Amino acid sequence: MIVGDALAPQKHNSPADGKGQGLWRAVSGQRFWAISGVDAQPLLLAFAMATGAAAYFTMPFEPGMGAILLAPLLAVALIAVGRRLLALSLVQLVLWLAFGVVLGLSAGAVRARLVA
């Protein structure tokens, strides 16, 4: 068995073609931005939800509970329509962020009602 990078016995002492270059290929050029764009979307949704909750608690008035509970359903319907019509990815991102804000707003309202 070869000591070093090998996890299993090797037939040859020379590394395979491209071995050791995986990290360089993963972080070079357009692949880097594609990977970072994919990984950032759940984080953006979490920040959108936090923004919605903060927006609820800074409102000077109490919105109606019916509107608060119907808003996420409307946002889901808009996302479904956008996906059905094959909307641009930027439009999809905006719809998902709006859904996150509305969901955070609704969560803040429900939490405030449960505590009060």
C-alpha atoms as a PDB file:
ATOM      1  CA  MET A   1       0.000   0.000   0.000  1.00  0.00           C
ATOM      2  CA  ILE A   2       1.223   3.469  -0.870  1.00  0.00           C
ATOM      3  CA  VAL A   3       1.427   5.923   1.977  1.00  0.00           C
ATOM      4  CA  GLY A   4      -0.034   9.359   1.264  1.00  0.00           C
ATOM      5  CA  ASP A   5      -3.137  10.263  -0.707  1.00  0.00           C
ATOM      6  CA  ALA A   6      -4.201   6.720  -1.522  1.00  0.00           C
ATOM      7  CA  LEU A   7      -7.081   5.260   0.456  1.00  0.00           C
ATOM      8  CA  ALA A   8      -6.793   1.830  -1.136  1.00  0.00           C
ATOM      9  CA  PRO A   9      -3.944  -0.211  -2.623  1.00  0.00           C
ATOM     10  CA  GLN A  10      -2.793   1.136  -5.994  1.00  0.00           C
ATOM     11  CA  LYS A  11      -1.574  -0.828  -8.997  1.00  0.00           C
ATOM     12  CA  HIS A  12       0.736   1.906 -10.181  1.00  0.00           C
ATOM     13  CA  ASN A  13       2.880   4.430  -8.416  1.00  0.00           C
ATOM     14  CA  SER A  14       1.841   7.291 -10.718  1.00  0.00           C
ATOM     15  CA  PRO A  15      -1.355   9.238  -9.998  1.00  0.00           C
ATOM     16  CA  ALA A  16      -4.247   9.134 -12.432  1.00  0.00           C
ATOM     17  CA  ASP A  17      -4.583  11.887 -15.032  1.00  0.00           C
ATOM     18  CA  GLY A  18      -6.022  14.997 -13.436  1.00  0.00           C
ATOM     19  CA  LYS A  19      -5.633  13.753  -9.863  1.00  0.00           C
ATOM     20  CA  GLY A  20      -5.028  16.594  -7.481  1.00  0.00           C
ATOM     21  CA  GLN A  21      -6.566  19.179  -9.824  1.00  0.00           C
ATOM     22  CA  GLY A  22     -10.177  18.737  -8.697  1.00  0.00           C
ATOM     23  CA  LEU A  23     -10.121  21.724  -6.354  1.00  0.00           C
ATOM     24  CA  TRP A  24      -8.591  23.971  -9.018  1.00  0.00           C
ATOM     25  CA  ARG A  25     -11.223  22.929 -11.538  1.00  0.00           C
ATOM     26  CA  ALA A  26     -14.026  23.449  -9.023  1.00  0.00           C
ATOM     27  CA  VAL A  27     -13.053  27.022  -8.153  1.00  0.00           C
ATOM     28  CA  SER A  28     -11.974  28.296 -11.550  1.00  0.00           C
ATOM     29  CA  GLY A  29     -13.899  30.592 -13.855  1.00  0.00           C
ATOM     30  CA  GLN A  30     -17.618  30.206 -14.408  1.00  0.00           C
ATOM     31  CA  ARG A  31     -17.871  27.050 -12.311  1.00  0.00           C
ATOM     32  CA  PHE A  32     -17.112  29.095  -9.211  1.00  0.00           C
ATOM     33  CA  TRP A  33     -19.965  31.515  -9.850  1.00  0.00           C
ATOM     34  CA  ALA A  34     -22.367  28.721 -10.773  1.00  0.00           C
ATOM     35  CA  ILE A  35     -21.601  26.877  -7.535  1.00  0.00           C
ATOM     36  CA  SER A  36     -21.868  30.012  -5.405  1.00  0.00           C
ATOM     37  CA  GLY A  37     -25.193  30.907  -7.032  1.00  0.00           C
ATOM     38  CA  VAL A  38     -26.665  27.519  -6.240  1.00  0.00           C
ATOM     39  CA  ASP A  39     -25.454  27.510  -2.649  1.00  0.00           C
ATOM     40  CA  ALA A  40     -26.643  31.055  -1.926  1.00  0.00           C
ATOM     41  CA  GLN A  41     -30.310  30.531  -2.751  1.00  0.00           C
ATOM     42  CA  PRO A  42     -31.344  28.791   0.501  1.00  0.00           C
ATOM     43  CA  LEU A  43     -29.423  31.427   2.433  1.00  0.00           C
ATOM     44  CA  LEU A  44     -31.247  34.189   0.570  1.00  0.00           C
ATOM     45  CA  LEU A  45     -34.579  32.558   1.422  1.00  0.00           C
ATOM     46  CA  ALA A  46     -33.634  32.506   5.117  1.00  0.00           C
ATOM     47  CA  PHE A  47     -32.677  36.189   5.020  1.00  0.00           C
ATOM     48  CA  ALA A  48     -35.924  36.992   3.205  1.00  0.00           C
ATOM     49  CA  MET A  49     -37.897  35.223   5.947  1.00  0.00           C
ATOM     50  CA  ALA A  50     -36.024  37.176   8.623  1.00  0.00           C
ATOM     51  CA  THR A  51     -36.752  40.385   6.715  1.00  0.00           C
ATOM     52  CA  GLY A  52     -40.453  39.518   6.626  1.00  0.00           C
ATOM     53  CA  ALA A  53     -40.555  38.847  10.365  1.00  0.00           C
ATOM     54  CA  ALA A  54     -38.727  42.109  11.064  1.00  0.00           C
ATOM     55  CA  ALA A  55     -41.126  43.952   8.760  1.00  0.00           C
ATOM     56  CA  TYR A  56     -44.100  42.573  10.686  1.00  0.00           C
ATOM     57  CA  PHE A  57     -42.772  43.704  14.045  1.00  0.00           C
ATOM     58  CA  THR A  58     -41.960  47.204  12.736  1.00  0.00           C
ATOM     59  CA  MET A  59     -45.428  47.775  11.220  1.00  0.00           C
ATOM     60  CA  PRO A  60     -47.368  50.580  12.919  1.00  0.00           C
ATOM     61  CA  PHE A  61     -50.648  48.661  12.493  1.00  0.00           C
ATOM     62  CA  GLU A  62     -51.853  45.095  12.900  1.00  0.00           C
ATOM     63  CA  PRO A  63     -52.734  43.501   9.541  1.00  0.00           C
ATOM     64  CA  GLY A  64     -55.750  41.224   9.316  1.00  0.00           C
ATOM     65  CA  MET A  65     -55.116  37.567  10.044  1.00  0.00           C
ATOM     66  CA  GLY A  66     -56.942  36.445   6.895  1.00  0.00           C
ATOM     67  CA  ALA A  67     -54.620  38.466   4.674  1.00  0.00           C
ATOM     68  CA  ILE A  68     -51.592  37.222   6.592  1.00  0.00           C
ATOM     69  CA  LEU A  69     -52.571  33.580   6.101  1.00  0.00           C
ATOM     70  CA  LEU A  70     -53.575  33.971   2.439  1.00  0.00           C
ATOM     71  CA  ALA A  71     -50.404  35.819   1.406  1.00  0.00           C
ATOM     72  CA  PRO A  72     -48.124  32.718   1.438  1.00  0.00           C
ATOM     73  CA  LEU A  73     -50.712  30.787  -0.582  1.00  0.00           C
ATOM     74  CA  LEU A  74     -50.781  33.566  -3.164  1.00  0.00           C
ATOM     75  CA  ALA A  75     -46.966  33.569  -3.284  1.00  0.00           C
ATOM     76  CA  VAL A  76     -46.907  29.787  -3.827  1.00  0.00           C
ATOM     77  CA  ALA A  77     -49.461  30.181  -6.624  1.00  0.00           C
ATOM     78  CA  LEU A  78     -47.281  32.839  -8.278  1.00  0.00           C
ATOM     79  CA  ILE A  79     -44.233  30.559  -8.030  1.00  0.00           C
ATOM     80  CA  ALA A  80     -46.211  27.709  -9.598  1.00  0.00           C
ATOM     81  CA  VAL A  81     -47.413  29.936 -12.438  1.00  0.00           C
ATOM     82  CA  GLY A  82     -43.894  31.250 -12.975  1.00  0.00           C
ATOM     83  CA  ARG A  83     -42.485  27.743 -13.174  1.00  0.00           C
ATOM     84  CA  ARG A  84     -45.282  26.652 -15.493  1.00  0.00           C
ATOM     85  CA  LEU A  85     -44.634  29.564 -17.848  1.00  0.00           C
ATOM     86  CA  LEU A  86     -40.876  28.932 -17.698  1.00  0.00           C
ATOM     87  CA  ALA A  87     -40.125  32.404 -16.380  1.00  0.00           C
ATOM     88  CA  LEU A  88     -36.582  33.704 -16.345  1.00  0.00           C
ATOM     89  CA  SER A  89     -34.374  32.635 -13.473  1.00  0.00           C
ATOM     90  CA  LEU A  90     -34.217  36.213 -12.167  1.00  0.00           C
ATOM     91  CA  VAL A  91     -38.020  36.322 -12.048  1.00  0.00           C
ATOM     92  CA  GLN A  92     -38.015  32.986 -10.214  1.00  0.00           C
ATOM     93  CA  LEU A  93     -35.471  34.322  -7.717  1.00  0.00           C
ATOM     94  CA  VAL A  94     -37.578  37.425  -7.087  1.00  0.00           C
ATOM     95  CA  LEU A  95     -40.696  35.278  -6.611  1.00  0.00           C
ATOM     96  CA  TRP A  96     -38.878  33.029  -4.132  1.00  0.00           C
ATOM     97  CA  LEU A  97     -37.578  36.055  -2.211  1.00  0.00           C
ATOM     98  CA  ALA A  98     -41.089  37.520  -2.102  1.00  0.00           C
ATOM     99  CA  PHE A  99     -42.336  34.160  -0.829  1.00  0.00           C
ATOM    100  CA  GLY A 100     -39.682  34.240   1.899  1.00  0.00           C
ATOM    101  CA  VAL A 101     -40.669  37.743   2.980  1.00  0.00           C
ATOM    102  CA  VAL A 102     -44.363  36.839   3.052  1.00  0.00           C
ATOM    103  CA  LEU A 103     -43.646  33.611   4.917  1.00  0.00           C
ATOM    104  CA  GLY A 104     -41.575  35.471   7.516  1.00  0.00           C
ATOM    105  CA  LEU A 105     -44.302  38.072   7.850  1.00  0.00           C
ATOM    106  CA  SER A 106     -46.880  35.336   8.406  1.00  0.00           C
ATOM    107  CA  ALA A 107     -44.669  33.513  10.888  1.00  0.00           C
ATOM    108  CA  GLY A 108     -44.188  36.723  12.849  1.00  0.00           C
ATOM    109  CA  ALA A 109     -47.939  37.353  12.906  1.00  0.00           C
ATOM    110  CA  VAL A 110     -48.772  33.823  14.035  1.00  0.00           C
ATOM    111  CA  ARG A 111     -46.072  33.952  16.717  1.00  0.00           C
ATOM    112  CA  ALA A 112     -47.350  37.298  17.992  1.00  0.00           C
ATOM    113  CA  ARG A 113     -50.920  35.939  18.144  1.00  0.00           C
ATOM    114  CA  LEU A 114     -49.808  32.832  20.030  1.00  0.00           C
ATOM    115  CA  VAL A 115     -47.869  34.835  22.609  1.00  0.00           C
ATOM    116  CA  ALA A 116     -50.544  37.507  23.151  1.00  0.00           C
END
